[in-house]
């Protein structure tokens, strides 16, 4: 099922939003990633934290615009940042996002693989854990109720499931919050006229297998 995507009162008719039933979410147990969570995009969000896993993701227009801008500015390099918001009765409401600090590298290393990996691994870096905590503290000081609800990353033509992505999401779900998500913005597919932004979580079965070292990236 598809629908128009509403961002801050502006309807984007070319955007496709997949509405997924609970049965569809659990059809493929072999896939380490749960199926993309359905999106609700609204201009405001305030709620209380619940103990239930998210069944849908609600994005504020501010989050959508900031994610798109950051990913486009960093392209073709990987862009990553963290998400803040609240959990409201099974709906994860993402109210804002912040990019991770850019790591300075020599000019000659600009297009080397390790440069991309440094950004891709940023979500689980110790320095960035402190950075996230400080940003959330400052948000609360100005009266904004915010919790760490996940992280975002850019992608190119659907290529994002790799060891860095899995390790980042495993870290978030294990160390920070079981309800956290990975928000993926595909720049190349979005440039074709349809906004591509999907949310993922690791399935409980995969979390257990990864913890017991029963998963490797080797074919």
N, C-alpha and C. Protein backbone atom coordinates (compact mmCIF):
# COMPACT_ATOMS: atom_id res chain seq x y z
N UNK A 1 0.85 -1.19 0.00
CA UNK A 1 0.00 0.00 0.00
C UNK A 1 0.88 1.23 0.00
N UNK A 2 0.53 2.23 -0.82
CA UNK A 2 1.30 3.45 -0.87
C UNK A 2 0.43 4.65 -0.55
N UNK A 3 1.05 5.74 -0.15
CA UNK A 3 0.31 6.95 0.18
C UNK A 3 1.21 8.14 -0.03
N UNK A 4 0.58 9.33 -0.15
CA UNK A 4 1.38 10.54 -0.24
C UNK A 4 2.09 10.79 1.08
N UNK A 5 3.28 11.35 1.01
CA UNK A 5 4.07 11.66 2.20
C UNK A 5 3.87 13.11 2.56
N UNK A 6 3.40 13.38 3.77
CA UNK A 6 3.15 14.74 4.21
C UNK A 6 4.28 15.21 5.11
N UNK A 7 4.94 16.28 4.73
CA UNK A 7 6.04 16.84 5.50
C UNK A 7 5.72 18.28 5.83
N UNK A 8 5.39 18.54 7.10
CA UNK A 8 5.12 19.90 7.53
C UNK A 8 4.02 20.59 6.73
N UNK A 9 2.97 19.86 6.35
CA UNK A 9 1.86 20.46 5.63
C UNK A 9 2.02 20.44 4.12
N UNK A 10 3.20 20.07 3.61
CA UNK A 10 3.45 20.00 2.18
C UNK A 10 3.33 18.55 1.72
N UNK A 11 2.48 18.29 0.75
CA UNK A 11 2.30 16.93 0.26
C UNK A 11 3.25 16.67 -0.89
N UNK A 12 4.03 15.60 -0.78
CA UNK A 12 4.94 15.19 -1.84
C UNK A 12 4.32 13.98 -2.53
N UNK A 13 3.60 14.17 -3.65
CA UNK A 13 2.86 13.06 -4.26
C UNK A 13 3.75 11.96 -4.80
N UNK A 14 5.03 12.25 -5.09
CA UNK A 14 5.90 11.22 -5.66
C UNK A 14 6.49 10.31 -4.60
N UNK A 15 6.38 10.70 -3.32
CA UNK A 15 6.96 9.89 -2.25
C UNK A 15 6.08 8.67 -1.99
N UNK A 16 6.71 7.55 -1.78
CA UNK A 16 5.99 6.30 -1.54
C UNK A 16 6.22 5.85 -0.10
N UNK A 17 5.13 5.58 0.62
CA UNK A 17 5.20 5.14 2.01
C UNK A 17 4.59 3.76 2.08
N UNK A 18 5.36 2.78 2.49
CA UNK A 18 4.87 1.41 2.56
C UNK A 18 4.26 1.17 3.93
N UNK A 19 2.98 0.81 3.98
CA UNK A 19 2.30 0.49 5.23
C UNK A 19 2.37 -1.01 5.41
N UNK A 20 3.01 -1.45 6.49
CA UNK A 20 3.33 -2.87 6.67
C UNK A 20 2.56 -3.43 7.86
N UNK A 21 1.90 -4.55 7.67
CA UNK A 21 1.17 -5.19 8.75
C UNK A 21 2.12 -5.92 9.68
N UNK A 22 1.62 -6.31 10.86
CA UNK A 22 2.44 -7.03 11.82
C UNK A 22 2.85 -8.39 11.28
N UNK A 23 1.96 -9.04 10.48
CA UNK A 23 2.32 -10.33 9.91
C UNK A 23 3.50 -10.19 8.95
N UNK A 24 3.49 -9.12 8.14
CA UNK A 24 4.58 -8.90 7.19
C UNK A 24 5.89 -8.59 7.91
N UNK A 25 5.80 -7.96 9.08
CA UNK A 25 7.02 -7.61 9.80
C UNK A 25 7.81 -8.84 10.22
N UNK A 26 7.12 -9.98 10.39
CA UNK A 26 7.79 -11.17 10.92
C UNK A 26 7.83 -12.33 9.93
N UNK A 27 7.58 -12.06 8.65
CA UNK A 27 7.56 -13.14 7.66
C UNK A 27 8.94 -13.74 7.43
N UNK A 28 9.98 -12.90 7.34
CA UNK A 28 11.32 -13.36 6.94
C UNK A 28 12.23 -13.41 8.15
N UNK A 29 12.29 -14.55 8.83
CA UNK A 29 13.10 -14.68 10.03
C UNK A 29 14.58 -14.82 9.73
N UNK A 30 14.92 -15.13 8.47
CA UNK A 30 16.32 -15.30 8.12
C UNK A 30 17.01 -13.97 7.87
N UNK A 31 16.25 -12.94 7.60
CA UNK A 31 16.83 -11.62 7.35
C UNK A 31 17.22 -10.99 8.68
N UNK A 32 18.51 -10.57 8.87
CA UNK A 32 18.91 -9.98 10.14
C UNK A 32 18.17 -8.70 10.46
N UNK A 33 17.67 -8.00 9.41
CA UNK A 33 16.94 -6.77 9.63
C UNK A 33 15.45 -7.04 9.61
N UNK A 34 14.72 -6.46 10.57
CA UNK A 34 13.28 -6.51 10.49
C UNK A 34 12.83 -5.67 9.32
N UNK A 35 11.66 -5.96 8.78
CA UNK A 35 11.15 -5.21 7.65
C UNK A 35 11.03 -3.73 8.01
N UNK A 36 11.13 -2.84 6.99
CA UNK A 36 11.04 -1.41 7.28
C UNK A 36 9.77 -1.08 8.04
N UNK A 37 9.89 -0.23 9.04
CA UNK A 37 8.73 0.17 9.82
C UNK A 37 7.93 1.21 9.05
N UNK A 38 6.59 1.18 9.18
CA UNK A 38 5.78 2.18 8.48
C UNK A 38 6.05 3.58 9.04
N UNK A 39 5.89 4.59 8.18
CA UNK A 39 6.17 5.96 8.56
C UNK A 39 4.89 6.77 8.71
N UNK A 40 4.90 7.65 9.68
CA UNK A 40 3.90 8.70 9.79
C UNK A 40 4.70 9.99 9.92
N UNK A 41 4.50 10.94 9.04
CA UNK A 41 5.24 12.19 9.11
C UNK A 41 4.30 13.30 9.50
N UNK A 42 4.54 13.91 10.66
CA UNK A 42 3.68 14.96 11.18
C UNK A 42 4.52 16.14 11.65
N UNK A 43 3.91 17.34 11.74
CA UNK A 43 4.68 18.52 12.11
C UNK A 43 5.02 18.66 13.57
N UNK A 44 4.44 17.86 14.46
CA UNK A 44 4.75 17.99 15.88
C UNK A 44 4.67 16.65 16.56
N UNK A 45 5.37 16.53 17.73
CA UNK A 45 5.37 15.25 18.45
C UNK A 45 5.78 15.47 19.89
N UNK A 46 4.93 15.08 20.85
CA UNK A 46 5.25 15.12 22.26
C UNK A 46 4.60 13.89 22.90
N UNK A 47 5.34 13.15 23.74
CA UNK A 47 4.79 11.93 24.31
C UNK A 47 5.61 11.48 25.49
N UNK A 48 5.24 10.32 26.04
CA UNK A 48 5.98 9.73 27.15
C UNK A 48 6.58 8.42 26.70
N UNK A 49 7.66 8.02 27.35
CA UNK A 49 8.38 6.81 26.96
C UNK A 49 7.65 5.57 27.45
N UNK A 50 7.47 4.60 26.58
CA UNK A 50 6.79 3.36 26.91
C UNK A 50 7.77 2.20 26.82
N UNK A 51 7.35 1.06 27.39
CA UNK A 51 8.19 -0.13 27.40
C UNK A 51 7.87 -1.07 26.25
N UNK A 52 7.30 -0.59 25.18
CA UNK A 52 6.93 -1.45 24.06
C UNK A 52 7.83 -1.18 22.86
N UNK A 53 8.17 -2.25 22.09
CA UNK A 53 8.93 -2.03 20.86
C UNK A 53 8.11 -1.21 19.87
N UNK A 54 8.75 -0.39 19.05
CA UNK A 54 7.98 0.45 18.12
C UNK A 54 7.33 -0.36 17.01
N UNK A 55 6.11 0.02 16.67
CA UNK A 55 5.39 -0.59 15.57
C UNK A 55 5.32 0.34 14.36
N UNK A 56 5.61 1.61 14.57
CA UNK A 56 5.61 2.60 13.49
C UNK A 56 6.56 3.72 13.88
N UNK A 57 6.98 4.48 12.89
CA UNK A 57 7.89 5.60 13.10
C UNK A 57 7.22 6.88 12.61
N UNK A 58 7.21 7.89 13.46
CA UNK A 58 6.64 9.19 13.10
C UNK A 58 7.77 10.22 13.06
N UNK A 59 7.97 10.85 11.91
CA UNK A 59 9.05 11.81 11.73
C UNK A 59 8.51 13.23 11.67
N UNK A 60 9.11 14.13 12.43
CA UNK A 60 8.80 15.54 12.27
C UNK A 60 9.44 16.04 10.98
N UNK A 61 8.85 17.05 10.40
CA UNK A 61 9.38 17.63 9.16
C UNK A 61 10.81 18.10 9.36
N UNK A 62 11.12 18.64 10.54
CA UNK A 62 12.48 19.11 10.82
C UNK A 62 13.49 17.98 10.69
N UNK A 63 13.15 16.80 11.19
CA UNK A 63 14.04 15.65 11.11
C UNK A 63 14.28 15.24 9.66
N UNK A 64 13.22 15.20 8.87
CA UNK A 64 13.33 14.81 7.47
C UNK A 64 14.25 15.77 6.72
N UNK A 65 14.00 17.08 6.88
CA UNK A 65 14.77 18.08 6.14
C UNK A 65 16.25 18.09 6.56
N UNK A 66 16.51 17.98 7.86
CA UNK A 66 17.91 17.99 8.33
C UNK A 66 18.66 16.75 7.87
N UNK A 67 17.99 15.60 7.87
CA UNK A 67 18.63 14.37 7.41
C UNK A 67 18.97 14.46 5.93
N UNK A 68 18.01 14.91 5.13
CA UNK A 68 18.25 15.05 3.69
C UNK A 68 19.39 16.01 3.41
N UNK A 69 19.41 17.15 4.09
CA UNK A 69 20.44 18.17 3.87
C UNK A 69 21.82 17.66 4.22
N UNK A 70 21.95 16.97 5.36
CA UNK A 70 23.25 16.47 5.80
C UNK A 70 23.76 15.38 4.85
N UNK A 71 22.88 14.45 4.48
CA UNK A 71 23.30 13.36 3.60
C UNK A 71 23.71 13.89 2.22
N UNK A 72 22.99 14.88 1.72
CA UNK A 72 23.32 15.45 0.42
C UNK A 72 24.65 16.20 0.48
N UNK A 73 24.90 16.89 1.58
CA UNK A 73 26.14 17.66 1.72
C UNK A 73 27.37 16.75 1.80
N UNK A 74 27.21 15.57 2.37
CA UNK A 74 28.34 14.64 2.54
C UNK A 74 28.53 13.70 1.36
N UNK A 75 27.54 13.59 0.50
CA UNK A 75 27.62 12.67 -0.64
C UNK A 75 28.82 13.01 -1.54
N UNK A 76 29.63 12.00 -1.98
CA UNK A 76 29.38 10.55 -1.91
C UNK A 76 29.88 9.88 -0.63
N UNK A 77 30.45 10.65 0.31
CA UNK A 77 30.88 10.06 1.58
C UNK A 77 29.66 9.70 2.42
N UNK A 78 29.86 8.83 3.39
CA UNK A 78 28.78 8.42 4.27
C UNK A 78 28.48 9.51 5.29
N UNK A 79 27.21 9.78 5.49
CA UNK A 79 26.77 10.74 6.51
C UNK A 79 26.06 9.98 7.62
N UNK A 80 26.38 10.28 8.87
CA UNK A 80 25.71 9.63 10.00
C UNK A 80 25.40 10.67 11.07
N UNK A 81 24.38 10.40 11.85
CA UNK A 81 24.00 11.27 12.95
C UNK A 81 23.07 10.51 13.88
N UNK A 82 22.61 11.16 14.94
CA UNK A 82 21.73 10.46 15.88
C UNK A 82 20.37 11.15 15.94
N UNK A 83 19.38 10.37 16.38
CA UNK A 83 17.99 10.80 16.43
C UNK A 83 17.52 10.96 17.86
N UNK A 84 16.72 11.96 18.10
CA UNK A 84 16.11 12.13 19.42
C UNK A 84 14.59 12.18 19.27
N UNK A 85 13.89 11.77 20.32
CA UNK A 85 12.44 11.77 20.27
C UNK A 85 11.85 11.04 21.46
N UNK A 86 10.66 10.52 21.29
CA UNK A 86 9.94 9.83 22.36
C UNK A 86 9.23 8.61 21.80
N UNK A 87 8.91 7.66 22.69
CA UNK A 87 8.13 6.49 22.32
C UNK A 87 6.73 6.67 22.87
N UNK A 88 5.74 6.64 21.99
CA UNK A 88 4.36 6.88 22.40
C UNK A 88 3.47 5.72 21.99
N UNK A 89 3.21 4.81 22.92
CA UNK A 89 2.29 3.69 22.68
C UNK A 89 2.62 2.91 21.41
N UNK A 90 3.89 2.58 21.24
CA UNK A 90 4.30 1.78 20.10
C UNK A 90 4.70 2.57 18.88
N UNK A 91 4.48 3.89 18.89
CA UNK A 91 4.90 4.75 17.79
C UNK A 91 6.13 5.53 18.22
N UNK A 92 7.24 5.35 17.51
CA UNK A 92 8.47 6.07 17.83
C UNK A 92 8.43 7.43 17.14
N UNK A 93 8.34 8.49 17.93
CA UNK A 93 8.22 9.84 17.40
C UNK A 93 9.60 10.49 17.39
N UNK A 94 10.14 10.70 16.20
CA UNK A 94 11.47 11.29 16.04
C UNK A 94 11.30 12.79 15.84
N UNK A 95 11.73 13.58 16.82
CA UNK A 95 11.48 15.01 16.79
C UNK A 95 12.64 15.84 16.28
N UNK A 96 13.86 15.30 16.31
CA UNK A 96 15.02 16.06 15.85
C UNK A 96 16.17 15.11 15.56
N UNK A 97 17.21 15.62 14.91
CA UNK A 97 18.39 14.82 14.63
C UNK A 97 19.61 15.74 14.60
N UNK A 98 20.79 15.15 14.85
CA UNK A 98 22.03 15.92 14.88
C UNK A 98 23.14 15.10 14.22
N UNK A 99 23.90 15.70 13.33
CA UNK A 99 25.00 14.97 12.68
C UNK A 99 26.14 14.72 13.64
N UNK A 100 26.86 13.62 13.45
CA UNK A 100 28.06 13.38 14.24
C UNK A 100 29.17 14.29 13.74
N UNK A 101 30.07 14.70 14.63
CA UNK A 101 31.18 15.56 14.22
C UNK A 101 31.99 14.93 13.10
N UNK A 102 32.44 15.75 12.16
CA UNK A 102 33.24 15.28 11.04
C UNK A 102 34.68 15.08 11.49
N UNK A 103 35.25 13.93 11.14
CA UNK A 103 36.63 13.62 11.48
C UNK A 103 37.55 14.21 10.42
N UNK A 104 38.51 15.03 10.83
CA UNK A 104 39.46 15.62 9.88
C UNK A 104 40.43 14.55 9.39
N UNK A 105 40.60 14.49 8.07
CA UNK A 105 41.53 13.54 7.46
C UNK A 105 42.38 14.28 6.44
N UNK A 106 43.57 13.77 6.14
CA UNK A 106 44.42 14.41 5.13
C UNK A 106 43.72 14.42 3.77
N UNK A 107 44.05 15.43 2.96
CA UNK A 107 43.43 15.56 1.64
C UNK A 107 43.67 14.33 0.77
N UNK A 108 44.87 13.74 0.89
CA UNK A 108 45.18 12.59 0.04
C UNK A 108 44.36 11.36 0.42
N UNK A 109 43.76 11.36 1.61
CA UNK A 109 42.97 10.20 2.04
C UNK A 109 41.48 10.41 1.82
N UNK A 110 41.12 11.48 1.10
CA UNK A 110 39.72 11.86 0.96
C UNK A 110 38.85 10.76 0.38
N UNK A 111 39.40 10.03 -0.61
CA UNK A 111 38.58 9.02 -1.27
C UNK A 111 38.99 7.60 -0.90
N UNK A 112 39.77 7.44 0.14
CA UNK A 112 40.17 6.11 0.56
C UNK A 112 39.07 5.48 1.39
N UNK A 113 39.04 4.15 1.41
CA UNK A 113 37.95 3.43 2.08
C UNK A 113 37.90 3.73 3.57
N UNK A 114 39.07 3.91 4.22
CA UNK A 114 39.03 4.15 5.65
C UNK A 114 38.35 5.45 6.01
N UNK A 115 38.36 6.41 5.06
CA UNK A 115 37.68 7.67 5.31
C UNK A 115 36.17 7.44 5.45
N UNK A 116 35.62 6.62 4.56
CA UNK A 116 34.21 6.33 4.63
C UNK A 116 33.88 5.53 5.89
N UNK A 117 34.75 4.59 6.25
CA UNK A 117 34.51 3.76 7.42
C UNK A 117 34.51 4.57 8.71
N UNK A 118 35.32 5.62 8.78
CA UNK A 118 35.37 6.43 9.99
C UNK A 118 34.02 7.07 10.26
N UNK A 119 33.33 7.51 9.21
CA UNK A 119 32.00 8.08 9.37
C UNK A 119 30.97 6.99 9.64
N UNK A 120 31.11 5.86 8.97
CA UNK A 120 30.15 4.77 9.13
C UNK A 120 30.19 4.18 10.54
N UNK A 121 31.38 4.22 11.18
CA UNK A 121 31.52 3.68 12.53
C UNK A 121 31.26 4.71 13.61
N UNK A 122 30.99 5.95 13.21
CA UNK A 122 30.81 7.04 14.18
C UNK A 122 29.70 6.79 15.21
N UNK A 123 28.56 6.17 14.83
CA UNK A 123 27.48 5.99 15.81
C UNK A 123 27.88 5.23 17.07
N UNK A 124 28.87 4.33 16.99
CA UNK A 124 29.24 3.56 18.18
C UNK A 124 30.57 4.03 18.79
N UNK A 125 31.13 5.12 18.30
CA UNK A 125 32.38 5.65 18.84
C UNK A 125 32.17 6.20 20.25
N UNK A 126 33.12 5.99 21.14
CA UNK A 126 32.99 6.44 22.53
C UNK A 126 32.83 7.95 22.62
N UNK A 127 33.60 8.67 21.81
CA UNK A 127 33.52 10.13 21.85
C UNK A 127 32.13 10.61 21.45
N UNK A 128 31.52 9.94 20.51
CA UNK A 128 30.19 10.35 20.06
C UNK A 128 29.11 9.95 21.05
N UNK A 129 29.34 8.93 21.86
CA UNK A 129 28.39 8.58 22.91
C UNK A 129 28.28 9.73 23.91
N UNK A 130 29.43 10.31 24.25
CA UNK A 130 29.44 11.46 25.16
C UNK A 130 28.80 12.68 24.49
N UNK A 131 29.06 12.83 23.19
CA UNK A 131 28.50 13.95 22.43
C UNK A 131 26.97 13.87 22.41
N UNK A 132 26.43 12.67 22.19
CA UNK A 132 24.99 12.49 22.19
C UNK A 132 24.38 12.83 23.54
N UNK A 133 25.01 12.33 24.60
CA UNK A 133 24.50 12.59 25.94
C UNK A 133 24.49 14.08 26.26
N UNK A 134 25.53 14.79 25.83
CA UNK A 134 25.61 16.23 26.08
C UNK A 134 24.55 16.99 25.30
N UNK A 135 24.32 16.61 24.04
CA UNK A 135 23.31 17.28 23.23
C UNK A 135 21.91 17.06 23.81
N UNK A 136 21.63 15.85 24.27
CA UNK A 136 20.33 15.55 24.86
C UNK A 136 20.15 16.33 26.16
N UNK A 137 21.24 16.44 26.94
CA UNK A 137 21.16 17.22 28.19
C UNK A 137 20.82 18.68 27.90
N UNK A 138 21.44 19.24 26.87
CA UNK A 138 21.16 20.64 26.52
C UNK A 138 19.74 20.81 25.99
N UNK A 139 19.24 19.80 25.28
CA UNK A 139 17.86 19.85 24.82
C UNK A 139 16.89 19.91 26.00
N UNK A 140 17.16 19.10 27.01
CA UNK A 140 16.28 19.07 28.18
C UNK A 140 16.38 20.35 28.99
N UNK A 141 17.54 21.01 28.96
CA UNK A 141 17.72 22.26 29.70
C UNK A 141 16.83 23.37 29.16
N UNK A 142 16.49 23.30 27.88
CA UNK A 142 15.63 24.32 27.28
C UNK A 142 14.18 23.83 27.19
N UNK A 143 13.86 22.78 27.94
CA UNK A 143 12.49 22.33 28.05
C UNK A 143 12.02 21.38 26.98
N UNK A 144 12.95 20.75 26.24
CA UNK A 144 12.58 19.79 25.20
C UNK A 144 12.75 18.38 25.75
N UNK A 145 11.66 17.61 25.81
CA UNK A 145 11.74 16.23 26.26
C UNK A 145 12.30 15.38 25.13
N UNK A 146 13.52 14.88 25.29
CA UNK A 146 14.17 14.13 24.21
C UNK A 146 14.92 12.93 24.77
N UNK A 147 14.83 11.83 24.06
CA UNK A 147 15.60 10.64 24.37
C UNK A 147 16.30 10.17 23.10
N UNK A 148 17.36 9.42 23.27
CA UNK A 148 18.06 8.87 22.11
C UNK A 148 17.22 7.73 21.55
N UNK A 149 16.73 7.91 20.32
CA UNK A 149 15.85 6.89 19.74
C UNK A 149 16.47 6.22 18.52
N UNK A 150 17.75 6.49 18.25
CA UNK A 150 18.40 5.80 17.14
C UNK A 150 19.41 6.67 16.41
N UNK A 151 19.70 6.30 15.19
CA UNK A 151 20.70 6.99 14.40
C UNK A 151 20.29 6.94 12.93
N UNK A 152 20.92 7.77 12.12
CA UNK A 152 20.61 7.76 10.69
C UNK A 152 21.89 7.64 9.87
N UNK A 153 21.74 7.17 8.65
CA UNK A 153 22.88 7.03 7.74
C UNK A 153 22.43 7.25 6.31
N UNK A 154 23.34 7.69 5.48
CA UNK A 154 23.04 7.82 4.05
C UNK A 154 23.33 6.49 3.37
N UNK A 155 22.74 6.29 2.20
CA UNK A 155 22.96 5.08 1.42
C UNK A 155 22.95 5.44 -0.06
N UNK A 156 23.48 4.53 -0.87
CA UNK A 156 23.55 4.74 -2.31
C UNK A 156 23.01 3.52 -3.03
N UNK A 157 21.86 3.68 -3.71
CA UNK A 157 21.23 2.59 -4.46
C UNK A 157 20.98 1.35 -3.60
N UNK A 158 20.55 1.56 -2.36
CA UNK A 158 20.18 0.46 -1.48
C UNK A 158 21.32 -0.29 -0.85
N UNK A 159 22.55 0.20 -1.05
CA UNK A 159 23.73 -0.50 -0.51
C UNK A 159 24.07 0.07 0.87
N UNK A 160 23.57 -0.57 1.92
CA UNK A 160 23.86 -0.09 3.27
C UNK A 160 24.04 -1.21 4.29
N UNK A 161 23.59 -2.43 3.99
CA UNK A 161 23.72 -3.52 4.96
C UNK A 161 25.13 -4.09 4.89
N UNK A 162 25.96 -3.72 5.85
CA UNK A 162 27.33 -4.19 5.94
C UNK A 162 27.68 -4.36 7.42
N UNK A 163 28.94 -4.71 7.69
CA UNK A 163 29.34 -4.98 9.08
C UNK A 163 29.21 -3.74 9.95
N UNK A 164 29.54 -2.55 9.41
CA UNK A 164 29.40 -1.33 10.19
C UNK A 164 27.95 -1.06 10.57
N UNK A 165 27.06 -1.21 9.61
CA UNK A 165 25.64 -0.96 9.87
C UNK A 165 25.12 -1.90 10.96
N UNK A 166 25.45 -3.18 10.84
CA UNK A 166 24.97 -4.16 11.82
C UNK A 166 25.56 -3.90 13.20
N UNK A 167 26.85 -3.61 13.26
CA UNK A 167 27.49 -3.36 14.55
C UNK A 167 26.93 -2.09 15.20
N UNK A 168 26.66 -1.07 14.39
CA UNK A 168 26.07 0.15 14.94
C UNK A 168 24.70 -0.11 15.55
N UNK A 169 23.83 -0.81 14.80
CA UNK A 169 22.48 -1.05 15.30
C UNK A 169 22.48 -2.01 16.47
N UNK A 170 23.38 -2.99 16.45
CA UNK A 170 23.49 -3.90 17.59
C UNK A 170 23.89 -3.12 18.85
N UNK A 171 24.84 -2.20 18.68
CA UNK A 171 25.28 -1.37 19.81
C UNK A 171 24.12 -0.54 20.36
N UNK A 172 23.35 0.07 19.48
CA UNK A 172 22.23 0.91 19.92
C UNK A 172 21.16 0.10 20.65
N UNK A 173 20.79 -1.04 20.08
CA UNK A 173 19.73 -1.83 20.70
C UNK A 173 20.19 -2.51 21.99
N UNK A 174 21.47 -2.84 22.09
CA UNK A 174 21.98 -3.53 23.28
C UNK A 174 22.38 -2.56 24.38
N UNK A 175 23.11 -1.51 24.03
CA UNK A 175 23.70 -0.62 25.04
C UNK A 175 22.81 0.58 25.39
N UNK A 176 22.04 1.08 24.42
CA UNK A 176 21.29 2.31 24.66
C UNK A 176 19.81 2.05 24.91
N UNK A 177 19.13 1.43 23.94
CA UNK A 177 17.69 1.27 24.07
C UNK A 177 17.22 0.23 23.06
N UNK A 178 16.48 -0.75 23.51
CA UNK A 178 16.00 -1.81 22.62
C UNK A 178 15.08 -1.26 21.52
N UNK A 179 14.46 -0.10 21.77
CA UNK A 179 13.50 0.45 20.80
C UNK A 179 14.16 1.31 19.73
N UNK A 180 15.47 1.50 19.78
CA UNK A 180 16.13 2.38 18.83
C UNK A 180 16.06 1.84 17.40
N UNK A 181 16.13 2.76 16.44
CA UNK A 181 16.03 2.40 15.02
C UNK A 181 17.24 2.93 14.26
N UNK A 182 17.41 2.39 13.06
CA UNK A 182 18.38 2.92 12.09
C UNK A 182 17.57 3.51 10.94
N UNK A 183 17.71 4.80 10.73
CA UNK A 183 16.99 5.50 9.66
C UNK A 183 17.92 5.62 8.45
N UNK A 184 17.51 5.08 7.32
CA UNK A 184 18.35 5.03 6.11
C UNK A 184 17.76 5.94 5.04
N UNK A 185 18.54 6.92 4.62
CA UNK A 185 18.13 7.81 3.52
C UNK A 185 18.96 7.48 2.29
N UNK A 186 18.30 6.96 1.25
CA UNK A 186 18.98 6.59 0.01
C UNK A 186 18.99 7.80 -0.92
N UNK A 187 20.17 8.41 -1.07
CA UNK A 187 20.30 9.64 -1.85
C UNK A 187 20.03 9.39 -3.33
N UNK A 188 20.60 8.34 -3.89
CA UNK A 188 20.47 8.07 -5.31
C UNK A 188 19.03 7.80 -5.70
N UNK A 189 18.33 6.99 -4.93
CA UNK A 189 16.93 6.69 -5.25
C UNK A 189 16.05 7.92 -5.05
N UNK A 190 16.38 8.75 -4.05
CA UNK A 190 15.60 9.96 -3.83
C UNK A 190 15.77 10.95 -4.97
N UNK A 191 16.96 10.96 -5.59
CA UNK A 191 17.22 11.88 -6.69
C UNK A 191 16.41 11.53 -7.94
N UNK A 192 15.83 10.33 -7.96
CA UNK A 192 15.02 9.90 -9.09
C UNK A 192 13.57 10.35 -8.98
N UNK A 193 13.25 11.08 -7.91
CA UNK A 193 11.92 11.67 -7.78
C UNK A 193 11.06 11.13 -6.67
N UNK A 194 11.47 10.06 -6.00
CA UNK A 194 10.70 9.48 -4.90
C UNK A 194 11.56 9.44 -3.64
N UNK A 195 11.13 10.13 -2.61
CA UNK A 195 11.89 10.16 -1.36
C UNK A 195 12.06 8.76 -0.81
N UNK A 196 13.31 8.35 -0.58
CA UNK A 196 13.61 7.03 -0.04
C UNK A 196 14.16 7.18 1.37
N UNK A 197 13.33 6.88 2.36
CA UNK A 197 13.74 6.97 3.77
C UNK A 197 13.04 5.84 4.52
N UNK A 198 13.84 4.90 5.05
CA UNK A 198 13.28 3.73 5.71
C UNK A 198 13.91 3.53 7.09
N UNK A 199 13.15 2.92 7.99
CA UNK A 199 13.62 2.65 9.35
C UNK A 199 13.75 1.15 9.55
N UNK A 200 14.84 0.74 10.21
CA UNK A 200 15.11 -0.68 10.44
C UNK A 200 15.51 -0.93 11.89
N UNK A 201 15.26 -2.18 12.33
CA UNK A 201 15.77 -2.67 13.60
C UNK A 201 16.28 -4.09 13.37
N UNK A 202 17.16 -4.56 14.25
CA UNK A 202 17.60 -5.95 14.20
C UNK A 202 16.56 -6.81 14.91
N UNK A 203 16.27 -7.96 14.34
CA UNK A 203 15.28 -8.85 14.94
C UNK A 203 15.83 -9.44 16.24
N UNK A 204 14.95 -9.82 17.18
CA UNK A 204 15.41 -10.45 18.43
C UNK A 204 16.23 -11.71 18.18
N UNK A 205 15.85 -12.49 17.16
CA UNK A 205 16.59 -13.71 16.85
C UNK A 205 18.02 -13.40 16.43
N UNK A 206 18.17 -12.36 15.61
CA UNK A 206 19.50 -11.99 15.17
C UNK A 206 20.33 -11.40 16.32
N UNK A 207 19.71 -10.62 17.19
CA UNK A 207 20.42 -10.06 18.35
C UNK A 207 21.01 -11.19 19.20
N UNK A 208 20.24 -12.25 19.40
CA UNK A 208 20.72 -13.39 20.18
C UNK A 208 21.86 -14.10 19.46
N UNK A 209 21.70 -14.33 18.15
CA UNK A 209 22.74 -15.01 17.38
C UNK A 209 24.03 -14.20 17.35
N UNK A 210 23.92 -12.89 17.21
CA UNK A 210 25.10 -12.03 17.15
C UNK A 210 25.81 -12.01 18.51
N UNK A 211 25.04 -11.99 19.59
CA UNK A 211 25.61 -11.99 20.92
C UNK A 211 26.38 -13.29 21.18
N UNK A 212 25.90 -14.39 20.64
CA UNK A 212 26.54 -15.70 20.84
C UNK A 212 27.58 -16.01 19.76
N UNK A 213 27.93 -15.01 18.97
CA UNK A 213 28.93 -15.15 17.90
C UNK A 213 28.57 -16.23 16.88
N UNK A 214 27.27 -16.32 16.59
CA UNK A 214 26.80 -17.29 15.61
C UNK A 214 26.55 -16.64 14.26
N UNK A 215 27.06 -15.42 14.09
CA UNK A 215 26.89 -14.72 12.83
C UNK A 215 28.22 -14.15 12.38
N UNK A 216 28.52 -14.31 11.09
CA UNK A 216 29.71 -13.68 10.50
C UNK A 216 29.30 -13.09 9.16
N UNK A 217 30.14 -12.17 8.65
CA UNK A 217 29.87 -11.56 7.35
C UNK A 217 30.46 -12.37 6.21
N UNK A 218 31.14 -13.49 6.52
CA UNK A 218 31.74 -14.31 5.49
C UNK A 218 30.68 -15.15 4.80
N UNK A 219 30.79 -15.22 3.47
CA UNK A 219 29.81 -16.00 2.71
C UNK A 219 30.07 -17.49 2.88
